[in-house]
Amino acid sequence: MKKLVAIAAAVAAIAPFAARAESTLTVNPGTGTTTATAHLDFTINVPKMLFLQIGTGTSYAANGTVSNIIFDVPAGSNGGGAIAGTGGDLSGGSVTVRVVGNTGNVGITNSVTGPLTSGVVGAPTVPWSDITVTPSALATTTFGFTNAGISHPTFNTAASGGQSPLVSLIASSGVVRQEGSWTFAYANKLFLPAGTYGGSTPSANNGRVTYTAAAA
């Protein structure tokens, strides 16, 4: 009976430790080396993420600021050939383009609603093909990014606008971290009536472009 009580007491003493983690007890009655092993498992869960910045942005966070590219046509140059823009987070009609994703290749598209108008019925419109884009690298590379010219999705010039063709950014080791800049210019091919074509609000004369990044 005393032996049973002693065994029960020993089990009770060991049980709390056994319940908390893996353990191994080795009893060596001889003179050789005695070893005991235990294990831990480690798990790291990384969520899917996709970040797109066109113009003003905050890295890895939402930023509601929409950059505005403005083309002021000089009085004597109406229809007289390409002019540079102003505005954009890099100024001079240029914007930052930055894409980060961790689920493979990323596709970029844009969408427009018809040509740019002045809001005057029957007045001429400006086709999106008259807005030209030059991709290039940023002046300074962000650590860990590929800094190069990122192709701009071609604007849809249909009468009602629509989505552009897809531009693919190819992942390296399952990750996309690319950046660059787009510089916009106005071809200024048409001699236009006075007015403001497009604008800085979503409903103003079809002036807004919506860019979308998508990944699996």
C-alpha atoms as a PDB file:
ATOM      1  CA  MET A   1       0.000   0.000   0.000  1.00  0.00           C
ATOM      2  CA  LYS A   2       2.832   2.390   0.853  1.00  0.00           C
ATOM      3  CA  LYS A   3       4.382   1.709  -2.588  1.00  0.00           C
ATOM      4  CA  LEU A   4       1.114   2.623  -4.361  1.00  0.00           C
ATOM      5  CA  VAL A   5       0.884   5.879  -2.415  1.00  0.00           C
ATOM      6  CA  ALA A   6       4.501   6.727  -3.318  1.00  0.00           C
ATOM      7  CA  ILE A   7       3.893   6.015  -7.051  1.00  0.00           C
ATOM      8  CA  ALA A   8       0.731   8.134  -7.043  1.00  0.00           C
ATOM      9  CA  ALA A   9       2.608  11.004  -5.436  1.00  0.00           C
ATOM     10  CA  ALA A  10       5.384  10.779  -8.027  1.00  0.00           C
ATOM     11  CA  VAL A  11       2.888  10.815 -10.932  1.00  0.00           C
ATOM     12  CA  ALA A  12       1.104  13.808  -9.417  1.00  0.00           C
ATOM     13  CA  ALA A  13       4.389  15.672  -9.170  1.00  0.00           C
ATOM     14  CA  ILE A  14       5.359  14.960 -12.791  1.00  0.00           C
ATOM     15  CA  ALA A  15       1.914  15.459 -14.394  1.00  0.00           C
ATOM     16  CA  PRO A  16       1.811  19.307 -14.284  1.00  0.00           C
ATOM     17  CA  PHE A  17       5.079  19.503 -16.202  1.00  0.00           C
ATOM     18  CA  ALA A  18       3.995  16.909 -18.766  1.00  0.00           C
ATOM     19  CA  ALA A  19       0.818  18.845 -19.550  1.00  0.00           C
ATOM     20  CA  ARG A  20       2.631  22.044 -20.503  1.00  0.00           C
ATOM     21  CA  ALA A  21       4.982  20.878 -23.226  1.00  0.00           C
ATOM     22  CA  GLU A  22       6.701  17.904 -24.736  1.00  0.00           C
ATOM     23  CA  SER A  23       9.221  16.290 -22.424  1.00  0.00           C
ATOM     24  CA  THR A  24      11.353  13.167 -22.323  1.00  0.00           C
ATOM     25  CA  LEU A  25      12.631  11.313 -19.278  1.00  0.00           C
ATOM     26  CA  THR A  26      15.709   9.124 -19.731  1.00  0.00           C
ATOM     27  CA  VAL A  27      16.875   6.850 -16.953  1.00  0.00           C
ATOM     28  CA  ASN A  28      20.379   5.447 -17.427  1.00  0.00           C
ATOM     29  CA  PRO A  29      21.484   2.888 -14.874  1.00  0.00           C
ATOM     30  CA  GLY A  30      24.901   2.589 -16.511  1.00  0.00           C
ATOM     31  CA  THR A  31      27.899   4.883 -16.896  1.00  0.00           C
ATOM     32  CA  GLY A  32      27.416   6.054 -20.527  1.00  0.00           C
ATOM     33  CA  THR A  33      26.157   9.426 -21.729  1.00  0.00           C
ATOM     34  CA  THR A  34      22.542  10.210 -20.894  1.00  0.00           C
ATOM     35  CA  THR A  35      20.468  12.363 -23.259  1.00  0.00           C
ATOM     36  CA  ALA A  36      16.899  13.638 -23.362  1.00  0.00           C
ATOM     37  CA  THR A  37      15.182  15.464 -26.203  1.00  0.00           C
ATOM     38  CA  ALA A  38      12.157  17.739 -26.574  1.00  0.00           C
ATOM     39  CA  HIS A  39      10.710  19.665 -29.508  1.00  0.00           C
ATOM     40  CA  LEU A  40       9.068  22.990 -30.312  1.00  0.00           C
ATOM     41  CA  ASP A  41       7.182  23.799 -33.532  1.00  0.00           C
ATOM     42  CA  PHE A  42       7.322  27.310 -35.021  1.00  0.00           C
ATOM     43  CA  THR A  43       4.726  28.683 -37.486  1.00  0.00           C
ATOM     44  CA  ILE A  44       4.830  32.018 -39.301  1.00  0.00           C
ATOM     45  CA  ASN A  45       1.621  33.148 -41.018  1.00  0.00           C
ATOM     46  CA  VAL A  46       2.130  35.807 -43.723  1.00  0.00           C
ATOM     47  CA  PRO A  47      -1.086  37.329 -45.124  1.00  0.00           C
ATOM     48  CA  LYS A  48      -1.665  38.079 -48.792  1.00  0.00           C
ATOM     49  CA  MET A  49      -1.070  41.757 -49.544  1.00  0.00           C
ATOM     50  CA  LEU A  50      -1.206  44.053 -52.548  1.00  0.00           C
ATOM     51  CA  PHE A  51      -0.197  47.725 -52.543  1.00  0.00           C
ATOM     52  CA  LEU A  52      -0.621  50.195 -55.399  1.00  0.00           C
ATOM     53  CA  GLN A  53       0.529  53.809 -55.403  1.00  0.00           C
ATOM     54  CA  ILE A  54      -0.093  56.176 -58.313  1.00  0.00           C
ATOM     55  CA  GLY A  55       0.965  59.694 -57.373  1.00  0.00           C
ATOM     56  CA  THR A  56       0.717  60.738 -53.732  1.00  0.00           C
ATOM     57  CA  GLY A  57       0.780  57.769 -51.380  1.00  0.00           C
ATOM     58  CA  THR A  58       1.787  56.375 -48.010  1.00  0.00           C
ATOM     59  CA  SER A  59       3.803  53.161 -48.042  1.00  0.00           C
ATOM     60  CA  TYR A  60       1.694  50.137 -47.069  1.00  0.00           C
ATOM     61  CA  ALA A  61      -1.226  52.301 -45.981  1.00  0.00           C
ATOM     62  CA  ALA A  62      -4.287  53.940 -47.498  1.00  0.00           C
ATOM     63  CA  ASN A  63      -4.016  57.564 -48.623  1.00  0.00           C
ATOM     64  CA  GLY A  64      -7.020  59.300 -50.133  1.00  0.00           C
ATOM     65  CA  THR A  65      -5.101  62.119 -51.838  1.00  0.00           C
ATOM     66  CA  VAL A  66      -5.621  62.093 -55.628  1.00  0.00           C
ATOM     67  CA  SER A  67      -2.885  63.761 -57.666  1.00  0.00           C
ATOM     68  CA  ASN A  68      -4.044  66.182 -60.372  1.00  0.00           C
ATOM     69  CA  ILE A  69      -2.146  66.592 -63.633  1.00  0.00           C
ATOM     70  CA  ILE A  70      -2.871  69.958 -65.264  1.00  0.00           C
ATOM     71  CA  PHE A  71      -2.086  71.136 -68.797  1.00  0.00           C
ATOM     72  CA  ASP A  72      -2.310  74.900 -69.238  1.00  0.00           C
ATOM     73  CA  VAL A  73      -2.305  75.619 -72.974  1.00  0.00           C
ATOM     74  CA  PRO A  74      -0.619  78.963 -73.788  1.00  0.00           C
ATOM     75  CA  ALA A  75      -2.848  81.351 -75.737  1.00  0.00           C
ATOM     76  CA  GLY A  76      -0.654  81.221 -78.812  1.00  0.00           C
ATOM     77  CA  SER A  77      -0.139  77.441 -78.726  1.00  0.00           C
ATOM     78  CA  ASN A  78      -3.700  76.100 -78.969  1.00  0.00           C
ATOM     79  CA  GLY A  79      -3.327  73.030 -81.202  1.00  0.00           C
ATOM     80  CA  GLY A  80       0.346  73.802 -81.728  1.00  0.00           C
ATOM     81  CA  GLY A  81       1.987  70.650 -80.416  1.00  0.00           C
ATOM     82  CA  ALA A  82       2.877  68.852 -77.220  1.00  0.00           C
ATOM     83  CA  ILE A  83       3.040  70.669 -73.904  1.00  0.00           C
ATOM     84  CA  ALA A  84       4.235  69.440 -70.522  1.00  0.00           C
ATOM     85  CA  GLY A  85       2.013  69.175 -67.504  1.00  0.00           C
ATOM     86  CA  THR A  86       2.193  70.506 -63.986  1.00  0.00           C
ATOM     87  CA  GLY A  87       1.201  68.818 -60.756  1.00  0.00           C
ATOM     88  CA  GLY A  88       1.730  65.234 -59.686  1.00  0.00           C
ATOM     89  CA  ASP A  89       3.582  64.234 -56.539  1.00  0.00           C
ATOM     90  CA  LEU A  90       6.914  64.505 -58.409  1.00  0.00           C
ATOM     91  CA  SER A  91       5.831  67.802 -60.061  1.00  0.00           C
ATOM     92  CA  GLY A  92       6.135  68.588 -63.757  1.00  0.00           C
ATOM     93  CA  GLY A  93       3.264  66.234 -64.604  1.00  0.00           C
ATOM     94  CA  SER A  94       5.098  63.223 -63.132  1.00  0.00           C
ATOM     95  CA  VAL A  95       3.821  60.725 -60.577  1.00  0.00           C
ATOM     96  CA  THR A  96       5.304  57.931 -58.491  1.00  0.00           C
ATOM     97  CA  VAL A  97       4.269  54.404 -59.436  1.00  0.00           C
ATOM     98  CA  ARG A  98       4.841  51.740 -56.790  1.00  0.00           C
ATOM     99  CA  VAL A  99       3.506  48.181 -56.675  1.00  0.00           C
ATOM    100  CA  VAL A 100       4.036  45.577 -53.955  1.00  0.00           C
ATOM    101  CA  GLY A 101       2.504  42.106 -53.912  1.00  0.00           C
ATOM    102  CA  ASN A 102       3.382  38.725 -52.429  1.00  0.00           C
ATOM    103  CA  THR A 103       1.184  36.272 -54.342  1.00  0.00           C
ATOM    104  CA  GLY A 104       2.911  36.135 -57.723  1.00  0.00           C
ATOM    105  CA  ASN A 105       2.553  38.252 -60.841  1.00  0.00           C
ATOM    106  CA  VAL A 106       0.567  41.494 -60.647  1.00  0.00           C
ATOM    107  CA  GLY A 107      -1.552  42.943 -63.445  1.00  0.00           C
ATOM    108  CA  ILE A 108      -2.235  46.684 -63.782  1.00  0.00           C
ATOM    109  CA  THR A 109      -5.104  48.193 -65.761  1.00  0.00           C
ATOM    110  CA  ASN A 110      -6.806  51.559 -65.943  1.00  0.00           C
ATOM    111  CA  SER A 111     -10.334  52.612 -66.745  1.00  0.00           C
ATOM    112  CA  VAL A 112     -11.738  55.845 -68.205  1.00  0.00           C
ATOM    113  CA  THR A 113     -15.229  57.107 -69.007  1.00  0.00           C
ATOM    114  CA  GLY A 114     -15.182  58.340 -72.588  1.00  0.00           C
ATOM    115  CA  PRO A 115     -12.984  61.204 -73.872  1.00  0.00           C
ATOM    116  CA  LEU A 116     -12.335  64.381 -71.893  1.00  0.00           C
ATOM    117  CA  THR A 117     -15.119  66.908 -72.395  1.00  0.00           C
ATOM    118  CA  SER A 118     -15.721  70.551 -71.490  1.00  0.00           C
ATOM    119  CA  GLY A 119     -19.299  69.905 -70.432  1.00  0.00           C
ATOM    120  CA  VAL A 120     -20.624  71.894 -73.399  1.00  0.00           C
ATOM    121  CA  VAL A 121     -23.026  69.900 -75.564  1.00  0.00           C
ATOM    122  CA  GLY A 122     -21.744  69.578 -79.121  1.00  0.00           C
ATOM    123  CA  ALA A 123     -18.277  70.895 -78.274  1.00  0.00           C
ATOM    124  CA  PRO A 124     -15.187  68.941 -79.374  1.00  0.00           C
ATOM    125  CA  THR A 125     -13.671  66.385 -76.999  1.00  0.00           C
ATOM    126  CA  VAL A 126     -10.082  65.383 -76.257  1.00  0.00           C
ATOM    127  CA  PRO A 127      -9.341  61.684 -76.866  1.00  0.00           C
ATOM    128  CA  TRP A 128      -7.292  59.872 -74.260  1.00  0.00           C
ATOM    129  CA  SER A 129      -4.766  59.075 -76.983  1.00  0.00           C
ATOM    130  CA  ASP A 130      -3.764  62.766 -76.770  1.00  0.00           C
ATOM    131  CA  ILE A 131      -2.515  62.184 -73.215  1.00  0.00           C
ATOM    132  CA  THR A 132       0.947  60.662 -73.642  1.00  0.00           C
ATOM    133  CA  VAL A 133       2.927  58.845 -70.952  1.00  0.00           C
ATOM    134  CA  THR A 134       6.684  58.377 -70.556  1.00  0.00           C
ATOM    135  CA  PRO A 135       7.767  55.689 -68.041  1.00  0.00           C
ATOM    136  CA  SER A 136      11.114  56.052 -66.281  1.00  0.00           C
ATOM    137  CA  ALA A 137      12.949  55.165 -63.081  1.00  0.00           C
ATOM    138  CA  LEU A 138      12.678  57.246 -59.929  1.00  0.00           C
ATOM    139  CA  ALA A 139      15.570  59.526 -59.056  1.00  0.00           C
ATOM    140  CA  THR A 140      16.197  57.519 -55.869  1.00  0.00           C
ATOM    141  CA  THR A 141      15.632  53.798 -55.378  1.00  0.00           C
ATOM    142  CA  THR A 142      13.730  52.551 -52.346  1.00  0.00           C
ATOM    143  CA  PHE A 143      15.617  49.746 -50.586  1.00  0.00           C
ATOM    144  CA  GLY A 144      14.429  46.327 -51.726  1.00  0.00           C
ATOM    145  CA  PHE A 145      12.637  47.617 -54.850  1.00  0.00           C
ATOM    146  CA  THR A 146      13.330  47.225 -58.543  1.00  0.00           C
ATOM    147  CA  ASN A 147      13.437  50.805 -59.798  1.00  0.00           C
ATOM    148  CA  ALA A 148      12.753  51.009 -63.536  1.00  0.00           C
ATOM    149  CA  GLY A 149      10.273  52.256 -66.097  1.00  0.00           C
ATOM    150  CA  ILE A 150       6.913  50.489 -65.590  1.00  0.00           C
ATOM    151  CA  SER A 151       4.837  50.288 -68.754  1.00  0.00           C
ATOM    152  CA  HIS A 152       1.662  52.359 -68.655  1.00  0.00           C
ATOM    153  CA  PRO A 153      -1.583  50.588 -69.611  1.00  0.00           C
ATOM    154  CA  THR A 154      -2.833  52.083 -72.898  1.00  0.00           C
ATOM    155  CA  PHE A 155      -5.919  54.254 -72.416  1.00  0.00           C
ATOM    156  CA  ASN A 156      -9.155  52.909 -73.892  1.00  0.00           C
ATOM    157  CA  THR A 157     -10.178  55.365 -76.633  1.00  0.00           C
ATOM    158  CA  ALA A 158     -13.631  53.901 -77.291  1.00  0.00           C
ATOM    159  CA  ALA A 159     -16.530  56.381 -77.393  1.00  0.00           C
ATOM    160  CA  SER A 160     -17.637  55.325 -73.924  1.00  0.00           C
ATOM    161  CA  GLY A 161     -14.156  54.578 -72.618  1.00  0.00           C
ATOM    162  CA  GLY A 162     -13.631  51.416 -70.616  1.00  0.00           C
ATOM    163  CA  GLN A 163     -10.797  49.281 -69.331  1.00  0.00           C
ATOM    164  CA  SER A 164      -7.294  49.260 -70.787  1.00  0.00           C
ATOM    165  CA  PRO A 165      -5.254  46.228 -71.824  1.00  0.00           C
ATOM    166  CA  LEU A 166      -3.352  44.535 -68.996  1.00  0.00           C
ATOM    167  CA  VAL A 167       0.259  45.318 -68.088  1.00  0.00           C
ATOM    168  CA  SER A 168       1.908  42.421 -66.223  1.00  0.00           C
ATOM    169  CA  LEU A 169       4.585  42.807 -63.579  1.00  0.00           C
ATOM    170  CA  ILE A 170       6.477  39.528 -63.232  1.00  0.00           C
ATOM    171  CA  ALA A 171       7.193  38.278 -59.725  1.00  0.00           C
ATOM    172  CA  SER A 172      10.630  37.253 -58.515  1.00  0.00           C
ATOM    173  CA  SER A 173      10.489  34.415 -55.964  1.00  0.00           C
ATOM    174  CA  GLY A 174       6.747  34.998 -55.693  1.00  0.00           C
ATOM    175  CA  VAL A 175       7.094  38.703 -54.875  1.00  0.00           C
ATOM    176  CA  VAL A 176       6.610  41.948 -56.828  1.00  0.00           C
ATOM    177  CA  ARG A 177       8.338  45.065 -55.482  1.00  0.00           C
ATOM    178  CA  GLN A 178       8.627  47.499 -58.364  1.00  0.00           C
ATOM    179  CA  GLU A 179       8.646  51.265 -58.599  1.00  0.00           C
ATOM    180  CA  GLY A 180       9.134  53.962 -61.200  1.00  0.00           C
ATOM    181  CA  SER A 181       7.501  57.117 -62.517  1.00  0.00           C
ATOM    182  CA  TRP A 182       5.080  58.170 -65.258  1.00  0.00           C
ATOM    183  CA  THR A 183       5.395  61.587 -66.862  1.00  0.00           C
ATOM    184  CA  PHE A 184       2.296  62.817 -68.674  1.00  0.00           C
ATOM    185  CA  ALA A 185       2.117  65.303 -71.549  1.00  0.00           C
ATOM    186  CA  TYR A 186      -0.694  66.676 -73.702  1.00  0.00           C
ATOM    187  CA  ALA A 187      -0.262  66.176 -77.462  1.00  0.00           C
ATOM    188  CA  ASN A 188      -2.239  69.403 -78.116  1.00  0.00           C
ATOM    189  CA  LYS A 189      -3.214  68.421 -81.637  1.00  0.00           C
ATOM    190  CA  LEU A 190      -6.629  70.111 -81.751  1.00  0.00           C
ATOM    191  CA  PHE A 191      -7.526  73.796 -81.862  1.00  0.00           C
ATOM    192  CA  LEU A 192     -10.145  73.759 -79.118  1.00  0.00           C
ATOM    193  CA  PRO A 193     -12.822  76.184 -77.943  1.00  0.00           C
ATOM    194  CA  ALA A 194     -12.051  77.833 -74.607  1.00  0.00           C
ATOM    195  CA  GLY A 195     -12.967  75.759 -71.594  1.00  0.00           C
ATOM    196  CA  THR A 196     -11.777  73.215 -69.039  1.00  0.00           C
ATOM    197  CA  TYR A 197     -11.617  69.683 -70.360  1.00  0.00           C
ATOM    198  CA  GLY A 198     -11.686  66.961 -67.728  1.00  0.00           C
ATOM    199  CA  GLY A 199     -11.264  68.036 -64.125  1.00  0.00           C
ATOM    200  CA  SER A 200     -10.243  67.034 -60.627  1.00  0.00           C
ATOM    201  CA  THR A 201     -13.446  65.384 -59.406  1.00  0.00           C
ATOM    202  CA  PRO A 202     -14.811  61.977 -60.464  1.00  0.00           C
ATOM    203  CA  SER A 203     -17.844  63.430 -62.236  1.00  0.00           C
ATOM    204  CA  ALA A 204     -16.118  66.384 -63.903  1.00  0.00           C
ATOM    205  CA  ASN A 205     -16.055  65.936 -67.669  1.00  0.00           C
ATOM    206  CA  ASN A 206     -14.555  62.423 -67.655  1.00  0.00           C
ATOM    207  CA  GLY A 207     -11.234  63.614 -66.244  1.00  0.00           C
ATOM    208  CA  ARG A 208     -10.603  60.797 -63.796  1.00  0.00           C
ATOM    209  CA  VAL A 209      -8.564  57.652 -64.499  1.00  0.00           C
ATOM    210  CA  THR A 210      -8.981  54.658 -62.188  1.00  0.00           C
ATOM    211  CA  TYR A 211      -5.955  52.367 -61.905  1.00  0.00           C
ATOM    212  CA  THR A 212      -6.352  48.825 -60.612  1.00  0.00           C
ATOM    213  CA  ALA A 213      -3.774  46.229 -59.573  1.00  0.00           C
ATOM    214  CA  ALA A 214      -4.819  42.583 -59.350  1.00  0.00           C
ATOM    215  CA  ALA A 215      -3.069  39.418 -58.209  1.00  0.00           C
ATOM    216  CA  ALA A 216      -4.177  35.836 -57.527  1.00  0.00           C
END
